[in-house]
Protein backbone atom coordinates (compact mmCIF):
# COMPACT_ATOMS: atom_id res chain seq x y z
CA MET A 1 24.99 70.89 -50.82
CA LYS A 2 22.77 72.09 -53.33
CA LYS A 3 25.28 75.00 -54.20
CA ILE A 4 28.05 72.48 -54.45
CA VAL A 5 26.09 70.30 -57.04
CA LEU A 6 25.19 73.36 -59.09
CA SER A 7 28.73 74.43 -59.38
CA LEU A 8 29.74 70.92 -60.40
CA VAL A 9 27.10 70.99 -63.17
CA ALA A 10 28.37 74.30 -64.22
CA LEU A 11 31.90 73.32 -64.33
CA CYS A 12 30.94 70.25 -66.54
CA LEU A 13 29.08 72.33 -68.89
CA ALA A 14 31.96 74.95 -69.01
CA LEU A 15 34.72 72.21 -69.86
CA PRO A 16 33.35 71.26 -73.37
CA LEU A 17 32.97 75.09 -74.31
CA PHE A 18 36.54 75.73 -73.29
CA ALA A 19 37.64 72.48 -75.29
CA GLN A 20 35.90 73.65 -78.18
CA LYS A 21 37.45 76.88 -78.07
CA GLU A 22 40.85 75.29 -77.84
CA TYR A 23 40.61 72.15 -79.81
CA GLY A 24 37.19 71.30 -80.84
CA LEU A 25 36.74 73.54 -83.97
CA ARG A 26 35.13 71.59 -86.66
CA PHE A 27 35.76 72.53 -90.32
CA SER A 28 32.06 71.89 -91.26
CA SER A 29 30.97 74.50 -88.64
CA LEU A 30 33.20 77.17 -90.78
CA ILE A 31 32.30 76.27 -94.21
CA ASN A 32 29.92 79.10 -94.51
CA ASP A 33 32.12 81.36 -92.53
CA GLU A 34 35.41 83.07 -93.16
CA LEU A 35 38.45 81.26 -91.46
CA SER A 36 41.19 83.23 -89.47
CA LEU A 37 44.88 82.42 -89.69
CA GLU A 38 44.71 81.19 -85.88
CA ASN A 39 41.74 78.87 -86.82
CA ALA A 40 43.52 77.59 -89.96
CA ILE A 41 46.67 76.77 -87.95
CA ARG A 42 44.53 74.92 -85.50
CA LEU A 43 42.54 73.03 -88.07
CA GLY A 44 45.66 72.05 -90.05
CA LEU A 45 47.52 70.80 -87.08
CA GLU A 46 44.47 68.82 -85.81
CA ASN A 47 44.37 67.14 -89.26
CA ASN A 48 48.06 66.62 -90.21
CA SER A 49 49.26 62.98 -90.04
CA ASP A 50 52.85 63.84 -89.62
CA PHE A 51 52.08 66.17 -86.70
CA LEU A 52 49.77 63.57 -85.10
CA LEU A 53 52.43 60.90 -85.48
CA ALA A 54 54.89 63.11 -83.83
CA GLN A 55 52.32 63.50 -81.07
CA GLN A 56 52.33 59.71 -80.63
CA GLU A 57 55.98 59.37 -80.61
CA ILE A 58 56.03 61.70 -77.45
CA ILE A 59 53.56 59.46 -75.81
CA ILE A 60 55.69 56.40 -76.64
CA ALA A 61 58.73 58.04 -75.39
CA GLU A 62 57.23 59.06 -72.19
CA GLN A 63 56.08 55.38 -71.58
CA LYS A 64 59.57 54.36 -72.06
CA VAL A 65 60.79 56.83 -69.44
CA LYS A 66 58.48 55.16 -66.93
CA GLN A 67 59.55 51.79 -67.99
CA ALA A 68 63.16 52.81 -67.36
CA LYS A 69 62.16 53.85 -63.78
CA PHE A 70 60.60 50.62 -63.09
CA LEU A 71 64.17 49.00 -63.46
CA PHE A 72 64.99 50.52 -60.21
CA LEU A 73 62.25 48.66 -58.36
CA PRO A 74 62.32 45.15 -57.29
CA GLN A 75 60.91 42.44 -59.47
CA ILE A 76 58.07 40.73 -57.55
CA ALA A 77 56.50 37.46 -58.72
CA LEU A 78 53.71 35.66 -57.35
CA GLN A 79 53.44 31.80 -58.27
CA GLY A 80 51.16 28.96 -57.76
CA THR A 81 52.04 25.29 -59.04
CA ALA A 82 50.37 21.95 -59.10
CA THR A 83 52.46 19.04 -60.53
CA TRP A 84 51.44 15.57 -61.16
CA TYR A 85 54.40 13.25 -62.24
CA ASP A 86 55.43 9.75 -63.12
CA LEU A 87 59.21 9.68 -63.15
CA ASP A 88 61.81 7.10 -63.51
CA TYR A 89 64.46 9.39 -62.88
CA PRO A 90 64.50 12.65 -60.58
CA MET A 91 64.20 15.86 -62.55
CA VAL A 92 64.17 19.76 -62.09
CA LEU A 93 61.11 21.34 -63.39
CA PRO A 94 61.44 24.26 -65.82
CA GLU A 95 62.01 27.68 -64.71
CA SER A 96 58.30 28.44 -65.53
CA VAL A 97 57.45 26.41 -62.56
CA ALA A 98 60.03 27.64 -60.21
CA ASN A 99 62.95 24.99 -61.06
CA ARG A 100 61.71 22.68 -58.26
CA TYR A 101 63.37 19.20 -57.75
CA ILE A 102 61.17 16.39 -58.23
CA PRO A 103 62.19 12.93 -56.86
CA SER A 104 61.77 9.71 -59.17
CA ASN A 105 59.15 7.05 -58.47
CA ASP A 106 61.60 4.61 -56.98
CA SER A 107 62.46 7.17 -53.91
CA GLN A 108 58.65 7.17 -53.08
CA THR A 109 57.11 5.10 -50.66
CA ALA A 110 54.07 3.03 -51.74
CA GLY A 111 51.85 5.17 -49.79
CA ASP A 112 53.03 8.44 -51.40
CA LYS A 113 51.14 10.21 -54.18
CA HIS A 114 52.71 11.45 -57.25
CA GLN A 115 51.53 15.13 -56.99
CA PHE A 116 52.93 18.28 -55.37
CA PHE A 117 51.52 21.89 -54.87
CA GLY A 118 53.13 25.05 -54.01
CA VAL A 119 52.54 28.67 -53.82
CA GLY A 120 54.87 31.42 -53.04
CA ILE A 121 56.25 35.09 -53.45
CA SER A 122 59.91 36.01 -54.71
CA ALA A 123 61.66 39.41 -55.16
CA THR A 124 64.77 40.24 -56.95
CA GLN A 125 66.38 43.69 -56.60
CA TYR A 126 69.61 44.86 -58.19
CA LEU A 127 71.86 46.57 -55.57
CA TYR A 128 74.28 47.67 -58.36
CA SER A 129 74.42 47.26 -62.06
CA GLY A 130 77.43 49.25 -63.07
CA GLY A 131 75.18 52.28 -63.91
CA ARG A 132 73.29 50.48 -66.95
CA PHE A 133 69.78 51.19 -65.19
CA ARG A 134 70.71 54.77 -64.61
CA GLY A 135 72.09 55.15 -68.29
CA ALA A 136 69.10 53.48 -69.72
CA LEU A 137 66.94 55.94 -67.79
CA LYS A 138 69.04 58.99 -68.96
CA ALA A 139 68.92 57.62 -72.54
CA ALA A 140 65.00 57.32 -72.47
CA GLN A 141 64.74 60.89 -71.00
CA ALA A 142 67.15 62.07 -73.85
CA ASN A 143 65.14 60.27 -76.47
CA LEU A 144 61.93 62.11 -75.00
CA LYS A 145 63.55 65.30 -75.34
CA GLN A 146 64.61 64.45 -79.04
CA ALA A 147 60.91 63.25 -79.62
CA GLN A 148 59.68 66.69 -78.15
CA SER A 149 62.12 68.54 -80.60
CA LYS A 150 60.96 66.55 -83.57
CA TYR A 151 57.30 67.38 -82.61
CA GLU A 152 58.15 70.96 -82.59
CA ALA A 153 60.08 70.81 -85.99
CA VAL A 154 56.96 69.12 -87.64
CA LYS A 155 54.50 71.68 -86.07
CA ASN A 156 56.90 74.48 -87.33
CA ALA A 157 56.94 73.16 -90.74
CA VAL A 158 53.10 72.49 -90.79
CA VAL A 159 52.33 76.08 -89.52
CA LEU A 160 54.82 77.55 -92.31
CA ASP A 161 52.93 75.57 -94.97
CA ILE A 162 49.56 76.94 -93.67
CA LYS A 163 50.73 80.37 -93.37
CA LYS A 164 51.91 80.37 -97.07
CA SER A 165 48.57 78.82 -98.27
CA PHE A 166 46.74 81.33 -96.23
CA PHE A 167 48.37 84.57 -97.41
CA SER A 168 48.33 83.17 -101.15
CA LEU A 169 44.36 82.72 -100.63
CA GLN A 170 44.00 86.10 -99.13
CA TYR A 171 46.06 87.66 -101.97
CA ALA A 172 43.73 85.83 -104.46
CA GLN A 173 40.69 87.15 -102.80
CA TYR A 174 41.72 90.66 -102.85
CA ASN A 175 43.16 90.33 -106.46
CA LEU A 176 39.78 89.11 -107.63
CA THR A 177 37.82 91.64 -105.94
CA LEU A 178 40.10 94.31 -107.63
CA ALA A 179 39.86 92.75 -110.86
CA GLN A 180 35.99 92.71 -110.78
CA ALA A 181 35.80 96.17 -109.55
CA VAL A 182 38.09 97.55 -112.42
CA GLN A 183 36.25 95.31 -115.06
CA GLN A 184 32.89 96.93 -113.93
CA LYS A 185 34.37 100.36 -114.20
CA ALA A 186 35.71 99.59 -117.74
CA ASP A 187 32.26 98.47 -118.70
CA ARG A 188 30.91 101.59 -117.52
CA TYR A 189 33.32 103.75 -119.27
CA PHE A 190 33.02 101.67 -122.54
CA LYS A 191 29.24 102.42 -122.63
CA GLY A 192 29.87 106.05 -122.47
CA LEU A 193 32.48 106.64 -125.06
CA LYS A 194 31.98 108.29 -128.33
CA LEU A 195 34.71 106.84 -130.40
CA SER A 196 35.75 106.35 -134.18
CA SER A 197 35.49 102.94 -135.63
CA TRP A 198 39.18 102.40 -135.22
CA ASP A 199 39.37 103.60 -131.77
CA LYS A 200 36.53 101.19 -130.84
CA ILE A 201 38.85 98.29 -132.11
CA LYS A 202 41.42 99.52 -129.56
CA ALA A 203 38.90 100.05 -126.71
CA GLN A 204 37.36 96.62 -127.32
CA TYR A 205 40.89 95.08 -127.12
CA LEU A 206 41.52 97.06 -123.92
CA LEU A 207 38.23 95.69 -122.40
CA SER A 208 39.07 92.26 -123.32
CA LEU A 209 42.34 92.23 -121.55
CA LEU A 210 40.50 93.32 -118.28
CA TYR A 211 38.01 90.55 -118.70
CA SER A 212 40.98 87.97 -119.08
CA GLU A 213 42.60 89.58 -116.15
CA LYS A 214 39.40 88.92 -114.18
CA ASN A 215 39.11 85.29 -115.43
CA THR A 216 42.76 84.72 -114.55
CA ALA A 217 41.99 86.10 -111.04
CA GLN A 218 39.13 83.57 -110.77
CA LYS A 219 41.43 80.83 -111.79
CA ASP A 220 44.14 81.89 -109.29
CA LEU A 221 41.51 81.92 -106.49
CA GLN A 222 40.28 78.40 -107.07
CA LYS A 223 44.17 77.32 -107.34
CA ALA A 224 44.60 79.01 -103.95
CA GLN A 225 41.64 77.41 -102.42
CA LEU A 226 42.72 74.06 -103.32
CA ALA A 227 46.20 74.82 -101.99
CA MET A 228 44.34 75.97 -98.78
CA LEU A 229 42.34 72.82 -98.53
CA VAL A 230 45.42 70.50 -99.03
CA SER A 231 47.22 72.30 -96.30
CA LEU A 232 44.18 71.73 -93.85
CA ASN A 233 43.84 68.23 -95.15
CA LYS A 234 40.16 68.62 -95.89
CA GLU A 235 37.70 67.77 -98.62
CA LEU A 236 38.86 69.37 -101.92
CA ASN A 237 35.54 70.42 -102.99
CA ALA A 238 34.54 72.35 -100.13
CA PRO A 239 33.95 75.91 -100.16
CA ILE A 240 36.52 78.10 -98.15
CA LYS A 241 37.28 81.84 -97.54
CA VAL A 242 39.77 83.39 -95.20
CA LYS A 243 39.84 86.60 -93.29
CA GLY A 244 42.24 88.80 -91.56
CA GLU A 245 44.52 91.79 -91.82
CA PHE A 246 46.31 91.93 -95.24
CA LYS A 247 48.74 94.59 -95.00
CA PRO A 248 52.56 94.85 -95.06
CA ALA A 249 54.37 93.68 -91.84
CA THR A 250 57.42 95.52 -90.62
CA LEU A 251 60.30 94.30 -88.53
CA ASN A 252 63.20 96.18 -86.86
CA LEU A 253 65.46 93.41 -85.83
CA ASP A 254 69.16 92.76 -86.09
CA LEU A 255 70.34 89.71 -87.97
CA ALA A 256 72.91 88.91 -84.99
CA TYR A 257 69.93 88.62 -82.42
CA LEU A 258 67.96 86.37 -84.82
CA ASN A 259 71.04 84.12 -85.22
CA LEU A 260 71.08 84.00 -81.44
CA TRP A 261 67.36 82.98 -81.21
CA SER A 262 67.61 80.37 -83.91
CA LEU A 263 70.40 78.79 -81.88
CA GLU A 264 68.09 78.84 -78.81
CA PHE A 265 64.77 78.00 -80.48
CA ARG A 266 65.34 75.97 -83.66
CA PRO A 267 64.18 72.29 -82.51
CA GLU A 268 66.35 70.65 -85.10
CA LEU A 269 69.48 71.83 -83.35
CA LYS A 270 67.98 70.71 -80.15
CA SER A 271 67.33 67.36 -81.59
CA ALA A 272 71.01 67.25 -82.77
CA ILE A 273 72.23 68.05 -79.36
CA TYR A 274 69.98 65.46 -77.81
CA ALA A 275 71.38 62.85 -80.34
CA LEU A 276 74.96 63.75 -79.31
CA GLU A 277 73.73 63.21 -75.69
CA LEU A 278 72.27 59.65 -76.69
CA ASP A 279 75.73 58.72 -78.10
CA SER A 280 77.62 59.84 -75.07
CA LEU A 281 75.08 57.59 -72.83
CA ALA A 282 75.75 54.71 -75.22
CA ILE A 283 79.44 54.80 -74.65
CA ASP A 284 78.91 54.75 -71.03
CA LEU A 285 76.66 51.98 -71.32
CA ALA A 286 79.07 50.12 -73.45
CA LEU A 287 81.85 50.67 -70.80
CA SER A 288 79.44 49.64 -67.89
CA ARG A 289 79.47 46.06 -69.18
CA ARG A 290 82.78 45.75 -67.46
CA TYR A 291 81.36 46.12 -64.03
CA PRO A 292 79.69 43.58 -62.07
CA ASP A 293 75.99 43.14 -60.92
CA ILE A 294 75.21 42.96 -57.27
CA ILE A 295 71.57 41.16 -56.93
CA LEU A 296 69.55 40.54 -53.61
CA THR A 297 66.93 38.00 -53.89
CA GLY A 298 64.21 36.48 -51.62
CA SER A 299 61.40 34.09 -51.78
CA TYR A 300 58.75 32.46 -49.49
CA GLU A 301 56.91 29.36 -50.25
CA GLN A 302 54.29 26.96 -48.76
CA LEU A 303 54.35 23.57 -50.24
CA GLY A 304 53.22 20.01 -49.94
CA VAL A 305 51.72 16.80 -51.36
CA GLU A 306 48.15 17.23 -49.78
CA ASP A 307 48.49 20.42 -47.98
CA LEU A 308 50.49 23.56 -47.87
CA ASN A 309 52.05 23.13 -44.46
CA ASP A 310 55.58 22.96 -45.35
CA VAL A 311 57.37 26.31 -45.74
CA ASN A 312 60.60 27.24 -47.84
CA LYS A 313 62.32 30.65 -47.24
CA GLN A 314 65.57 32.13 -48.40
CA ILE A 315 67.47 35.24 -49.21
CA SER A 316 70.42 35.39 -51.30
CA LEU A 317 73.23 37.94 -52.45
CA ALA A 318 74.84 37.31 -55.67
CA VAL A 319 77.53 39.11 -57.40
CA ARG A 320 77.73 38.23 -61.32
CA LEU A 321 80.81 39.57 -63.17
CA PRO A 322 80.22 39.46 -66.97
CA ILE A 323 83.27 38.74 -69.13
CA PRO A 324 82.40 40.51 -72.37
CA TYR A 325 84.80 40.13 -75.35
CA ASN A 326 83.55 43.04 -77.48
CA VAL A 327 83.55 45.91 -75.05
CA ALA A 328 86.56 47.74 -76.90
CA THR A 329 84.79 47.17 -80.19
CA GLN A 330 81.52 48.58 -79.08
CA THR A 331 83.28 51.54 -77.54
CA ALA A 332 85.05 52.31 -80.51
CA GLN A 333 81.89 52.21 -82.50
CA ARG A 334 79.92 54.42 -80.18
CA LYS A 335 82.68 57.03 -80.15
CA ALA A 336 82.77 57.14 -83.90
CA GLU A 337 78.90 57.33 -83.84
CA GLN A 338 79.36 60.24 -81.31
CA LYS A 339 81.79 62.05 -83.82
CA GLN A 340 79.30 61.81 -86.51
CA SER A 341 76.59 63.47 -84.36
CA SER A 342 78.87 66.14 -83.45
CA LEU A 343 79.65 66.53 -87.22
CA ARG A 344 76.00 66.57 -87.90
CA ARG A 345 75.11 69.18 -85.35
CA ALA A 346 77.79 71.57 -86.81
CA ALA A 347 76.36 71.25 -90.19
CA ILE A 348 72.82 71.82 -88.90
CA GLU A 349 74.07 74.83 -87.03
CA ASP A 350 75.67 76.20 -90.38
CA LYS A 351 72.56 75.37 -92.40
CA ILE A 352 70.48 77.08 -89.86
CA ARG A 353 72.62 80.27 -89.98
CA VAL A 354 72.29 80.37 -93.72
CA GLN A 355 68.50 79.98 -93.75
CA VAL A 356 68.15 82.82 -91.04
CA ALA A 357 70.37 84.97 -93.39
CA GLU A 358 68.47 84.10 -96.35
CA SER A 359 64.98 84.59 -94.73
CA TYR A 360 66.17 87.87 -93.18
CA ALA A 361 67.31 89.40 -96.60
CA ASN A 362 64.27 88.35 -98.22
CA MET A 363 62.14 90.10 -95.42
CA VAL A 364 64.10 93.34 -95.62
CA PHE A 365 63.58 93.34 -99.43
CA TRP A 366 59.85 92.54 -99.39
CA GLN A 367 59.28 94.95 -96.18
CA ASN A 368 60.65 97.91 -98.15
CA GLU A 369 59.29 96.82 -101.39
CA ALA A 370 55.60 96.25 -100.13
CA THR A 371 55.88 99.81 -98.21
CA ALA A 372 56.96 101.56 -101.61
CA ARG A 373 54.28 99.75 -103.41
CA GLN A 374 51.58 100.70 -100.67
CA ALA A 375 52.54 104.59 -101.22
CA THR A 376 52.24 104.11 -105.15
CA TRP A 377 49.00 102.24 -104.61
CA GLN A 378 47.37 104.87 -102.50
CA GLU A 379 48.64 107.77 -104.90
CA VAL A 380 47.24 106.04 -107.90
CA GLN A 381 43.84 105.56 -106.10
CA LYS A 382 43.81 109.36 -105.33
CA LEU A 383 44.52 110.07 -108.97
CA LEU A 384 41.84 107.74 -110.27
CA SER A 385 39.30 109.38 -107.90
CA GLN A 386 40.45 112.67 -109.27
CA ALA A 387 40.24 111.70 -112.83
CA GLU A 388 36.71 110.45 -112.41
CA ASN A 389 35.59 113.50 -110.81
CA SER A 390 37.25 116.13 -112.91
CA SER A 391 37.29 114.81 -116.57
CA ARG A 392 35.13 112.80 -119.02
CA ALA A 393 36.12 109.28 -119.99
CA ASP A 394 37.97 108.62 -123.32
CA LEU A 395 40.06 105.96 -124.60
CA SER A 396 42.87 106.70 -122.29
CA ALA A 397 40.80 105.77 -119.39
CA LEU A 398 40.73 102.18 -120.28
CA GLU A 399 44.47 102.26 -120.73
CA ALA A 400 44.57 103.98 -117.26
CA LEU A 401 42.42 101.25 -115.71
CA HIS A 402 44.91 98.68 -116.98
CA ALA A 403 47.66 100.69 -115.05
CA TYR A 404 45.42 101.01 -112.07
CA TYR A 405 44.82 97.32 -111.88
CA GLN A 406 48.58 96.44 -112.36
CA THR A 407 49.37 98.82 -109.50
CA GLY A 408 46.87 97.26 -107.16
CA ARG A 409 47.72 93.74 -108.00
CA ASP A 410 51.45 94.25 -107.53
CA TYR A 411 50.66 95.86 -104.25
CA TYR A 412 48.71 92.84 -103.24
CA GLU A 413 51.49 90.61 -104.29
CA GLY A 414 53.90 92.54 -102.33
CA ILE A 415 51.88 92.04 -99.38
CA ARG A 416 51.77 88.46 -99.84
CA GLN A 417 55.60 88.09 -100.49
CA ASN A 418 56.03 90.22 -97.28
CA LEU A 419 54.00 88.20 -95.22
CA SER A 420 55.15 84.91 -96.67
CA SER A 421 58.87 85.97 -96.01
CA LYS A 422 57.95 86.89 -92.49
CA ALA A 423 56.43 83.61 -92.13
CA SER A 424 59.68 81.94 -93.44
CA LEU A 425 61.76 83.94 -91.17
CA GLU A 426 59.78 82.90 -88.13
CA TRP A 427 60.33 79.21 -89.26
CA ALA A 428 64.00 79.78 -89.62
CA ILE A 429 64.35 81.22 -85.97
CA GLY A 430 61.90 78.75 -84.67
CA ARG A 431 59.54 81.29 -82.92
CA ASP A 432 56.84 83.89 -83.82
CA LEU A 433 57.79 87.41 -83.96
């Protein structure tokens, strides 16, 4: 018994830890730490209002499915009534008190009391409803699938925004670090230079340009931090840093496969398919109004004036045939709506193909470009190291530092574009690569 209690305690302690790992990350605990891409996505989703609204829509749709299933169950009611009356003419009580017939005062004997009590139970079961209940259930299930697809679409859009903000902040951090390092090198070179008065003017100008580049990098970093905080929906004055690999991503995938994946995973297309299914169900529901209802009801009551000794029991089978006048018009309307949904689905499919093609072309370009810039940047780093070790700095060293900084900045920009284009391609096909 003691072992069982200890196991339960350990399980209770482990659950909060697991929850914190999966969902319970707090931004305040990460202010003084660097934020990974995974944690950034998690925090961004937890604080995004559109994503949270989509979650609630799924809950609402799930409850509607449950409500539709209840239609197949018998409708049971318990009822108790107490009536005091003074009537000059007989009447039937309202439906809320069981439609009970009450005689007038003249039909009562002198000893009768003008009061009536009753308790009972009733049940109503639809044996056949022309497929309306089954159609309502299918419509609720299709609506749930549509809500789930919308949830995935919102999630993908939020994740794309967070990824782009994350990569921009990574670029800004690396760019500022590079600009500061180059500016410090330039200061050290400038102090050791022995130049003529004319060359000093040019050297001072080149040095001021590097200071300007560093200040611009600081501004870009502040702008990227603000964009990241907006994507996370956090306080705009909070300090934030990100961490993670910042190098070119490579993909070797065929466009035809990506198009097939997009048709399978893209939630917007699934949502259009479910909308088409809902329109088909709406046509069936409109046609089902031509069919009769077969209803079985039963009730049991105990009633009386001073006690409940009298008993009423009944069971009834009813057939109700509606005579609707607008079946044809509703059916024509639903068929037109179904055609609209079919056209929208085709348009969405074409739009997705275009988005995949554009994202793929962008990804291929920046994949090749970032790889080429990486090779150039590595070569320039080697040349700078060799120059520092083999020759004395002169005015051309400051010019070389400008070229060195521009090459490094272009390389980091290529990585940012490469990673952002990969994120856009993942959004276009609806899944991570």
